[in-house]
Amino acid sequence: MKSRIHPVSRPVVFRDRAADVAFLTRSTADSDERVAWEDGNTYPVIDVETSSASHPFYTGGRQVLDTAGRVEQFRRRYGTGEASRS
């Protein structure tokens, strides 16, 4: 690998506003705002609107589509297709 082409990775706190949750992880993003973390150190903090704590896909709040009902509605409207083949 070439040296000095990769960005610097550092510990950063991502704070989810919607779920009121914070995550300490490594990132190349930086911020001027700092926050004191549970271990006593201060880290840059980045506020995000959505994370795994508040996204419907991860929380199970996603909407389930009724595909069986849509297929039946299509068959009622247009038939099963077998009569048009003969």
C-alpha atoms as a PDB file:
ATOM      1  CA  MET A   1       0.000   0.000   0.000  1.00  0.00           C
ATOM      2  CA  LYS A   2       1.067   3.532  -0.592  1.00  0.00           C
ATOM      3  CA  SER A   3       1.945   5.514   2.478  1.00  0.00           C
ATOM      4  CA  ARG A   4       0.364   8.862   3.411  1.00  0.00           C
ATOM      5  CA  ILE A   5      -2.693   8.532   1.131  1.00  0.00           C
ATOM      6  CA  HIS A   6      -5.191   7.339   3.734  1.00  0.00           C
ATOM      7  CA  PRO A   7      -7.069   9.841   5.923  1.00  0.00           C
ATOM      8  CA  VAL A   8      -6.433   9.875   9.650  1.00  0.00           C
ATOM      9  CA  SER A   9      -8.941   7.835  11.643  1.00  0.00           C
ATOM     10  CA  ARG A  10      -9.709   9.013  15.180  1.00  0.00           C
ATOM     11  CA  PRO A  11     -12.286   8.332  17.909  1.00  0.00           C
ATOM     12  CA  VAL A  12     -15.442  10.393  17.338  1.00  0.00           C
ATOM     13  CA  VAL A  13     -18.791  10.516  19.137  1.00  0.00           C
ATOM     14  CA  PHE A  14     -21.873  10.412  16.903  1.00  0.00           C
ATOM     15  CA  ARG A  15     -24.940  11.757  18.707  1.00  0.00           C
ATOM     16  CA  ASP A  16     -28.381  10.798  17.361  1.00  0.00           C
ATOM     17  CA  ARG A  17     -30.830  13.612  18.023  1.00  0.00           C
ATOM     18  CA  ALA A  18     -33.970  11.572  17.330  1.00  0.00           C
ATOM     19  CA  ALA A  19     -33.191   8.714  19.738  1.00  0.00           C
ATOM     20  CA  ASP A  20     -31.072  10.708  22.207  1.00  0.00           C
ATOM     21  CA  VAL A  21     -28.269   8.131  21.928  1.00  0.00           C
ATOM     22  CA  ALA A  22     -24.524   8.599  21.456  1.00  0.00           C
ATOM     23  CA  PHE A  23     -21.981   6.199  19.920  1.00  0.00           C
ATOM     24  CA  LEU A  24     -18.215   6.307  20.305  1.00  0.00           C
ATOM     25  CA  THR A  25     -16.561   4.959  17.177  1.00  0.00           C
ATOM     26  CA  ARG A  26     -13.657   5.660  14.854  1.00  0.00           C
ATOM     27  CA  SER A  27     -14.104   7.984  11.911  1.00  0.00           C
ATOM     28  CA  THR A  28     -12.219  10.281   9.585  1.00  0.00           C
ATOM     29  CA  ALA A  29     -14.771  13.043  10.247  1.00  0.00           C
ATOM     30  CA  ASP A  30     -13.770  15.846  12.585  1.00  0.00           C
ATOM     31  CA  SER A  31     -15.660  18.533  14.462  1.00  0.00           C
ATOM     32  CA  ASP A  32     -14.819  21.661  16.431  1.00  0.00           C
ATOM     33  CA  GLU A  33     -17.423  20.777  19.079  1.00  0.00           C
ATOM     34  CA  ARG A  34     -16.218  18.437  21.839  1.00  0.00           C
ATOM     35  CA  VAL A  35     -18.042  16.309  24.405  1.00  0.00           C
ATOM     36  CA  ALA A  36     -16.866  14.532  27.565  1.00  0.00           C
ATOM     37  CA  TRP A  37     -17.380  10.783  27.245  1.00  0.00           C
ATOM     38  CA  GLU A  38     -17.982   8.150  29.956  1.00  0.00           C
ATOM     39  CA  ASP A  39     -14.274   7.268  30.135  1.00  0.00           C
ATOM     40  CA  GLY A  40     -13.369  10.851  31.119  1.00  0.00           C
ATOM     41  CA  ASN A  41     -11.796  11.799  27.789  1.00  0.00           C
ATOM     42  CA  THR A  42     -13.122  14.470  25.440  1.00  0.00           C
ATOM     43  CA  TYR A  43     -13.893  13.593  21.832  1.00  0.00           C
ATOM     44  CA  PRO A  44     -15.194  15.473  18.803  1.00  0.00           C
ATOM     45  CA  VAL A  45     -18.981  15.129  18.532  1.00  0.00           C
ATOM     46  CA  ILE A  46     -21.034  15.000  15.330  1.00  0.00           C
ATOM     47  CA  ASP A  47     -24.822  15.340  15.525  1.00  0.00           C
ATOM     48  CA  VAL A  48     -26.809  13.126  13.148  1.00  0.00           C
ATOM     49  CA  GLU A  49     -30.546  13.032  12.473  1.00  0.00           C
ATOM     50  CA  THR A  50     -30.830   9.263  11.975  1.00  0.00           C
ATOM     51  CA  SER A  51     -28.744   6.310  13.141  1.00  0.00           C
ATOM     52  CA  SER A  52     -29.313   2.624  13.794  1.00  0.00           C
ATOM     53  CA  ALA A  53     -31.031   3.582  17.064  1.00  0.00           C
ATOM     54  CA  SER A  54     -33.766   5.599  15.346  1.00  0.00           C
ATOM     55  CA  HIS A  55     -33.984   4.279  11.767  1.00  0.00           C
ATOM     56  CA  PRO A  56     -37.205   2.295  11.134  1.00  0.00           C
ATOM     57  CA  PHE A  57     -35.338  -0.528   9.368  1.00  0.00           C
ATOM     58  CA  TYR A  58     -33.250  -1.306  12.475  1.00  0.00           C
ATOM     59  CA  THR A  59     -35.934  -0.601  15.078  1.00  0.00           C
ATOM     60  CA  GLY A  60     -38.599  -2.810  13.438  1.00  0.00           C
ATOM     61  CA  GLY A  61     -40.924   0.099  12.756  1.00  0.00           C
ATOM     62  CA  ARG A  62     -40.819  -0.282   9.006  1.00  0.00           C
ATOM     63  CA  GLN A  63     -44.036  -0.657   7.054  1.00  0.00           C
ATOM     64  CA  VAL A  64     -44.841  -4.149   5.791  1.00  0.00           C
ATOM     65  CA  LEU A  65     -46.357  -4.298   2.312  1.00  0.00           C
ATOM     66  CA  ASP A  66     -49.363  -6.514   1.693  1.00  0.00           C
ATOM     67  CA  THR A  67     -48.084  -8.239  -1.445  1.00  0.00           C
ATOM     68  CA  ALA A  68     -50.626 -11.077  -1.305  1.00  0.00           C
ATOM     69  CA  GLY A  69     -53.487  -8.584  -1.307  1.00  0.00           C
ATOM     70  CA  ARG A  70     -52.009  -6.765  -4.292  1.00  0.00           C
ATOM     71  CA  VAL A  71     -51.673  -9.990  -6.277  1.00  0.00           C
ATOM     72  CA  GLU A  72     -55.306 -10.911  -5.563  1.00  0.00           C
ATOM     73  CA  GLN A  73     -56.434  -7.429  -6.581  1.00  0.00           C
ATOM     74  CA  PHE A  74     -54.506  -7.784  -9.860  1.00  0.00           C
ATOM     75  CA  ARG A  75     -56.066 -11.187 -10.554  1.00  0.00           C
ATOM     76  CA  ARG A  76     -59.583  -9.874  -9.869  1.00  0.00           C
ATOM     77  CA  ARG A  77     -59.053  -6.911 -12.138  1.00  0.00           C
ATOM     78  CA  TYR A  78     -57.277  -8.604 -15.050  1.00  0.00           C
ATOM     79  CA  GLY A  79     -58.062 -12.292 -14.568  1.00  0.00           C
ATOM     80  CA  THR A  80     -55.611 -15.118 -14.069  1.00  0.00           C
ATOM     81  CA  GLY A  81     -54.317 -15.014 -17.623  1.00  0.00           C
ATOM     82  CA  GLU A  82     -55.197 -18.647 -18.452  1.00  0.00           C
ATOM     83  CA  ALA A  83     -58.351 -17.760 -20.438  1.00  0.00           C
ATOM     84  CA  SER A  84     -56.438 -15.392 -22.711  1.00  0.00           C
ATOM     85  CA  ARG A  85     -53.862 -18.066 -23.640  1.00  0.00           C
ATOM     86  CA  SER A  86     -56.340 -20.363 -25.489  1.00  0.00           C
END
